[in-house]
Amino acid sequence: MTIAAAIAANLMAHDATTETAAIVLAAAADRVRILKDDELEVFDVMLDLSYGRIYKVWVGEAELIQLLSSNGDTDDTRRLLARMKSKGILEEGAGRWRAVM
């Protein structure tokens, strides 16, 4: 997508500034993710537990699961965290979690 955007910008404008802007926008679009409601809830809880430093502070899994499992189903919460890890949204190490930039 990034290469296609750069080529299109170059063909349309033949302007280095426009081409550079198109490359930057395409690269940013590759990093944009739309989170589902349950994933947003994970981020909200992690923001509280990490004092707003969700990308730097590791959050304990037990505490995270306890706060997210309001309906008592910890297996669903574990599957949600695993799914977010497989998508590259979260990372886990030694029973602690944090968001991936």
N, C-alpha and C. Protein backbone atom coordinates (compact mmCIF):
# COMPACT_ATOMS: atom_id res chain seq x y z
N MET A 1 0.83 -1.19 0.00
CA MET A 1 0.00 0.00 0.00
C MET A 1 0.87 1.25 0.00
N THR A 2 1.93 1.25 0.77
CA THR A 2 2.80 2.42 0.85
C THR A 2 3.42 2.73 -0.52
N ILE A 3 3.87 1.71 -1.20
CA ILE A 3 4.49 1.92 -2.51
C ILE A 3 3.45 2.42 -3.50
N ALA A 4 2.25 1.84 -3.47
CA ALA A 4 1.20 2.26 -4.38
C ALA A 4 0.82 3.72 -4.15
N ALA A 5 0.73 4.13 -2.90
CA ALA A 5 0.40 5.52 -2.59
C ALA A 5 1.49 6.46 -3.08
N ALA A 6 2.73 6.07 -2.92
CA ALA A 6 3.84 6.91 -3.37
C ALA A 6 3.84 7.04 -4.89
N ILE A 7 3.59 5.95 -5.59
CA ILE A 7 3.56 5.99 -7.05
C ILE A 7 2.41 6.87 -7.53
N ALA A 8 1.23 6.69 -6.91
CA ALA A 8 0.08 7.51 -7.29
C ALA A 8 0.34 8.99 -7.07
N ALA A 9 0.93 9.33 -5.95
CA ALA A 9 1.23 10.73 -5.66
C ALA A 9 2.23 11.28 -6.67
N ASN A 10 3.21 10.48 -7.01
CA ASN A 10 4.22 10.93 -7.96
C ASN A 10 3.62 11.14 -9.35
N LEU A 11 2.75 10.24 -9.76
CA LEU A 11 2.13 10.37 -11.07
C LEU A 11 1.18 11.57 -11.12
N MET A 12 0.49 11.82 -10.01
CA MET A 12 -0.50 12.90 -9.99
C MET A 12 0.16 14.27 -9.93
N ALA A 13 1.23 14.40 -9.20
CA ALA A 13 1.74 15.74 -8.94
C ALA A 13 3.16 15.98 -9.42
N HIS A 14 3.95 14.96 -9.54
CA HIS A 14 5.37 15.10 -9.84
C HIS A 14 6.02 16.12 -8.91
N ASP A 15 5.58 16.08 -7.67
CA ASP A 15 6.06 17.02 -6.67
C ASP A 15 6.62 16.23 -5.50
N ALA A 16 7.86 16.52 -5.13
CA ALA A 16 8.51 15.77 -4.05
C ALA A 16 7.80 15.94 -2.71
N THR A 17 7.27 17.12 -2.44
CA THR A 17 6.58 17.36 -1.18
C THR A 17 5.30 16.53 -1.09
N THR A 18 4.54 16.50 -2.17
CA THR A 18 3.31 15.71 -2.20
C THR A 18 3.62 14.23 -2.07
N GLU A 19 4.67 13.79 -2.75
CA GLU A 19 5.07 12.39 -2.69
C GLU A 19 5.47 12.01 -1.26
N THR A 20 6.23 12.86 -0.61
CA THR A 20 6.65 12.60 0.76
C THR A 20 5.45 12.55 1.70
N ALA A 21 4.53 13.46 1.52
CA ALA A 21 3.33 13.47 2.36
C ALA A 21 2.52 12.19 2.15
N ALA A 22 2.41 11.74 0.91
CA ALA A 22 1.65 10.51 0.64
C ALA A 22 2.32 9.30 1.28
N ILE A 23 3.63 9.26 1.26
CA ILE A 23 4.36 8.16 1.88
C ILE A 23 4.14 8.14 3.39
N VAL A 24 4.21 9.32 4.00
CA VAL A 24 4.02 9.41 5.46
C VAL A 24 2.59 9.01 5.82
N LEU A 25 1.61 9.48 5.08
CA LEU A 25 0.22 9.12 5.36
C LEU A 25 -0.04 7.63 5.18
N ALA A 26 0.53 7.05 4.14
CA ALA A 26 0.34 5.62 3.90
C ALA A 26 1.00 4.79 5.01
N ALA A 27 2.17 5.22 5.45
CA ALA A 27 2.84 4.51 6.54
C ALA A 27 2.04 4.61 7.83
N ALA A 28 1.46 5.77 8.08
CA ALA A 28 0.63 5.94 9.28
C ALA A 28 -0.63 5.09 9.19
N ALA A 29 -1.21 4.99 8.02
CA ALA A 29 -2.42 4.18 7.84
C ALA A 29 -2.13 2.71 8.11
N ASP A 30 -0.93 2.25 7.81
CA ASP A 30 -0.56 0.86 8.08
C ASP A 30 -0.55 0.57 9.58
N ARG A 31 -0.31 1.58 10.41
CA ARG A 31 -0.20 1.40 11.86
C ARG A 31 -1.51 1.65 12.59
N VAL A 32 -2.51 2.19 11.90
CA VAL A 32 -3.78 2.49 12.54
C VAL A 32 -4.57 1.20 12.72
N ARG A 33 -5.10 1.02 13.91
CA ARG A 33 -5.91 -0.16 14.20
C ARG A 33 -7.23 0.30 14.80
N ILE A 34 -8.28 -0.36 14.40
CA ILE A 34 -9.58 -0.10 14.99
C ILE A 34 -9.84 -1.21 15.98
N LEU A 35 -9.99 -0.83 17.24
CA LEU A 35 -10.18 -1.81 18.29
C LEU A 35 -11.66 -2.09 18.51
N LYS A 36 -11.95 -3.34 18.87
CA LYS A 36 -13.31 -3.73 19.22
C LYS A 36 -13.60 -3.22 20.63
N ASP A 37 -14.88 -3.25 21.01
CA ASP A 37 -15.28 -2.73 22.32
C ASP A 37 -14.59 -3.46 23.46
N ASP A 38 -14.47 -4.78 23.37
CA ASP A 38 -13.82 -5.51 24.45
C ASP A 38 -12.32 -5.20 24.52
N GLU A 39 -11.71 -4.94 23.36
CA GLU A 39 -10.30 -4.55 23.34
C GLU A 39 -10.11 -3.16 23.94
N LEU A 40 -11.04 -2.26 23.66
CA LEU A 40 -10.98 -0.93 24.26
C LEU A 40 -11.11 -1.00 25.77
N GLU A 41 -11.93 -1.92 26.25
CA GLU A 41 -12.08 -2.10 27.69
C GLU A 41 -10.75 -2.54 28.32
N VAL A 42 -10.03 -3.42 27.63
CA VAL A 42 -8.72 -3.85 28.11
C VAL A 42 -7.79 -2.65 28.22
N PHE A 43 -7.79 -1.81 27.20
CA PHE A 43 -6.93 -0.62 27.22
C PHE A 43 -7.32 0.33 28.35
N ASP A 44 -8.63 0.50 28.59
CA ASP A 44 -9.09 1.38 29.67
C ASP A 44 -8.58 0.88 31.02
N VAL A 45 -8.72 -0.42 31.25
CA VAL A 45 -8.26 -0.99 32.53
C VAL A 45 -6.75 -0.88 32.64
N MET A 46 -6.04 -1.17 31.55
CA MET A 46 -4.58 -1.09 31.58
C MET A 46 -4.11 0.35 31.80
N LEU A 47 -4.83 1.32 31.23
CA LEU A 47 -4.47 2.73 31.45
C LEU A 47 -4.56 3.09 32.92
N ASP A 48 -5.61 2.62 33.58
CA ASP A 48 -5.77 2.88 35.01
C ASP A 48 -4.66 2.21 35.82
N LEU A 49 -4.38 0.95 35.50
CA LEU A 49 -3.38 0.20 36.27
C LEU A 49 -1.95 0.69 36.03
N SER A 50 -1.72 1.26 34.86
CA SER A 50 -0.36 1.71 34.51
C SER A 50 -0.17 3.21 34.70
N TYR A 51 -1.15 3.86 35.30
CA TYR A 51 -1.09 5.31 35.52
C TYR A 51 -0.87 6.08 34.21
N GLY A 52 -1.53 5.60 33.15
CA GLY A 52 -1.46 6.28 31.86
C GLY A 52 -0.23 5.95 31.02
N ARG A 53 0.61 5.07 31.50
CA ARG A 53 1.84 4.72 30.77
C ARG A 53 1.72 3.30 30.22
N ILE A 54 0.72 3.10 29.40
CA ILE A 54 0.32 1.78 28.93
C ILE A 54 1.39 1.08 28.09
N TYR A 55 2.27 1.86 27.47
CA TYR A 55 3.32 1.28 26.62
C TYR A 55 4.61 1.00 27.39
N LYS A 56 4.74 1.52 28.59
CA LYS A 56 5.99 1.37 29.34
C LYS A 56 5.84 0.54 30.60
N VAL A 57 4.69 0.64 31.25
CA VAL A 57 4.48 -0.04 32.53
C VAL A 57 3.80 -1.39 32.28
N TRP A 58 4.40 -2.44 32.83
CA TRP A 58 3.84 -3.78 32.73
C TRP A 58 2.78 -3.95 33.81
N VAL A 59 1.64 -4.52 33.43
CA VAL A 59 0.50 -4.72 34.33
C VAL A 59 0.40 -6.20 34.68
N GLY A 60 0.18 -6.49 35.95
CA GLY A 60 0.06 -7.87 36.39
C GLY A 60 -1.17 -8.55 35.81
N GLU A 61 -0.97 -9.77 35.34
CA GLU A 61 -2.06 -10.52 34.70
C GLU A 61 -3.21 -10.80 35.66
N ALA A 62 -2.92 -11.20 36.87
CA ALA A 62 -3.98 -11.55 37.83
C ALA A 62 -4.88 -10.35 38.10
N GLU A 63 -4.29 -9.20 38.30
CA GLU A 63 -5.06 -7.98 38.56
C GLU A 63 -5.86 -7.57 37.33
N LEU A 64 -5.25 -7.68 36.17
CA LEU A 64 -5.91 -7.33 34.92
C LEU A 64 -7.12 -8.24 34.68
N ILE A 65 -6.94 -9.54 34.84
CA ILE A 65 -8.03 -10.48 34.63
C ILE A 65 -9.14 -10.27 35.65
N GLN A 66 -8.77 -9.99 36.88
CA GLN A 66 -9.78 -9.75 37.92
C GLN A 66 -10.66 -8.56 37.56
N LEU A 67 -10.06 -7.48 37.10
CA LEU A 67 -10.83 -6.28 36.77
C LEU A 67 -11.64 -6.43 35.48
N LEU A 68 -11.15 -7.25 34.55
CA LEU A 68 -11.85 -7.43 33.28
C LEU A 68 -12.94 -8.49 33.35
N SER A 69 -12.86 -9.39 34.30
CA SER A 69 -13.80 -10.50 34.38
C SER A 69 -14.96 -10.16 35.31
N SER A 70 -15.69 -9.12 34.96
CA SER A 70 -16.80 -8.69 35.80
C SER A 70 -17.92 -9.74 35.84
N ASN A 71 -18.04 -10.53 34.75
CA ASN A 71 -19.07 -11.56 34.72
C ASN A 71 -18.57 -12.88 35.31
N GLY A 72 -17.33 -12.91 35.78
CA GLY A 72 -16.79 -14.09 36.42
C GLY A 72 -16.15 -15.10 35.48
N ASP A 73 -16.16 -14.83 34.17
CA ASP A 73 -15.59 -15.78 33.21
C ASP A 73 -14.15 -15.39 32.87
N THR A 74 -13.22 -15.94 33.60
CA THR A 74 -11.81 -15.60 33.38
C THR A 74 -11.27 -16.24 32.11
N ASP A 75 -11.87 -17.35 31.66
CA ASP A 75 -11.39 -17.99 30.43
C ASP A 75 -11.61 -17.09 29.22
N ASP A 76 -12.76 -16.41 29.16
CA ASP A 76 -13.00 -15.47 28.05
C ASP A 76 -11.98 -14.33 28.08
N THR A 77 -11.66 -13.87 29.26
CA THR A 77 -10.69 -12.78 29.39
C THR A 77 -9.31 -13.25 28.96
N ARG A 78 -8.93 -14.44 29.33
CA ARG A 78 -7.63 -14.98 28.90
C ARG A 78 -7.58 -15.14 27.38
N ARG A 79 -8.68 -15.59 26.79
CA ARG A 79 -8.72 -15.72 25.32
C ARG A 79 -8.62 -14.35 24.65
N LEU A 80 -9.29 -13.35 25.23
CA LEU A 80 -9.22 -11.99 24.69
C LEU A 80 -7.78 -11.47 24.72
N LEU A 81 -7.10 -11.64 25.85
CA LEU A 81 -5.70 -11.20 25.95
C LEU A 81 -4.82 -11.95 24.96
N ALA A 82 -5.05 -13.25 24.82
CA ALA A 82 -4.26 -14.05 23.86
C ALA A 82 -4.51 -13.58 22.43
N ARG A 83 -5.77 -13.26 22.12
CA ARG A 83 -6.09 -12.77 20.77
C ARG A 83 -5.41 -11.43 20.51
N MET A 84 -5.42 -10.55 21.51
CA MET A 84 -4.77 -9.25 21.34
C MET A 84 -3.26 -9.41 21.21
N LYS A 85 -2.70 -10.39 21.89
CA LYS A 85 -1.27 -10.67 21.76
C LYS A 85 -0.96 -11.18 20.35
N SER A 86 -1.80 -12.08 19.83
CA SER A 86 -1.56 -12.62 18.49
C SER A 86 -1.71 -11.55 17.40
N LYS A 87 -2.54 -10.54 17.66
CA LYS A 87 -2.70 -9.43 16.71
C LYS A 87 -1.55 -8.42 16.80
N GLY A 88 -0.71 -8.56 17.85
CA GLY A 88 0.38 -7.62 18.02
C GLY A 88 -0.01 -6.35 18.74
N ILE A 89 -1.16 -6.37 19.43
CA ILE A 89 -1.63 -5.20 20.16
C ILE A 89 -1.03 -5.16 21.56
N LEU A 90 -0.90 -6.33 22.17
CA LEU A 90 -0.32 -6.46 23.51
C LEU A 90 0.87 -7.40 23.46
N GLU A 91 1.73 -7.25 24.47
CA GLU A 91 2.79 -8.23 24.65
C GLU A 91 2.77 -8.70 26.09
N GLU A 92 3.21 -9.94 26.27
CA GLU A 92 3.16 -10.57 27.58
C GLU A 92 4.51 -11.15 27.91
N GLY A 93 4.86 -11.04 29.18
CA GLY A 93 6.10 -11.63 29.65
C GLY A 93 6.05 -11.85 31.13
N ALA A 94 6.29 -13.07 31.55
CA ALA A 94 6.34 -13.44 32.97
C ALA A 94 5.06 -13.04 33.71
N GLY A 95 3.93 -13.27 33.06
CA GLY A 95 2.66 -12.97 33.72
C GLY A 95 2.32 -11.50 33.81
N ARG A 96 2.95 -10.69 32.98
CA ARG A 96 2.67 -9.25 32.97
C ARG A 96 2.40 -8.83 31.53
N TRP A 97 1.59 -7.78 31.37
CA TRP A 97 1.14 -7.33 30.05
C TRP A 97 1.40 -5.84 29.86
N ARG A 98 1.62 -5.46 28.61
CA ARG A 98 1.67 -4.03 28.24
C ARG A 98 1.29 -3.90 26.78
N ALA A 99 0.93 -2.69 26.39
CA ALA A 99 0.54 -2.41 25.00
C ALA A 99 1.79 -2.28 24.14
N VAL A 100 1.63 -2.63 22.88
CA VAL A 100 2.71 -2.53 21.91
C VAL A 100 2.51 -1.27 21.10
N MET A 101 3.57 -0.53 20.90
CA MET A 101 3.48 0.70 20.10
C MET A 101 3.38 0.37 18.63
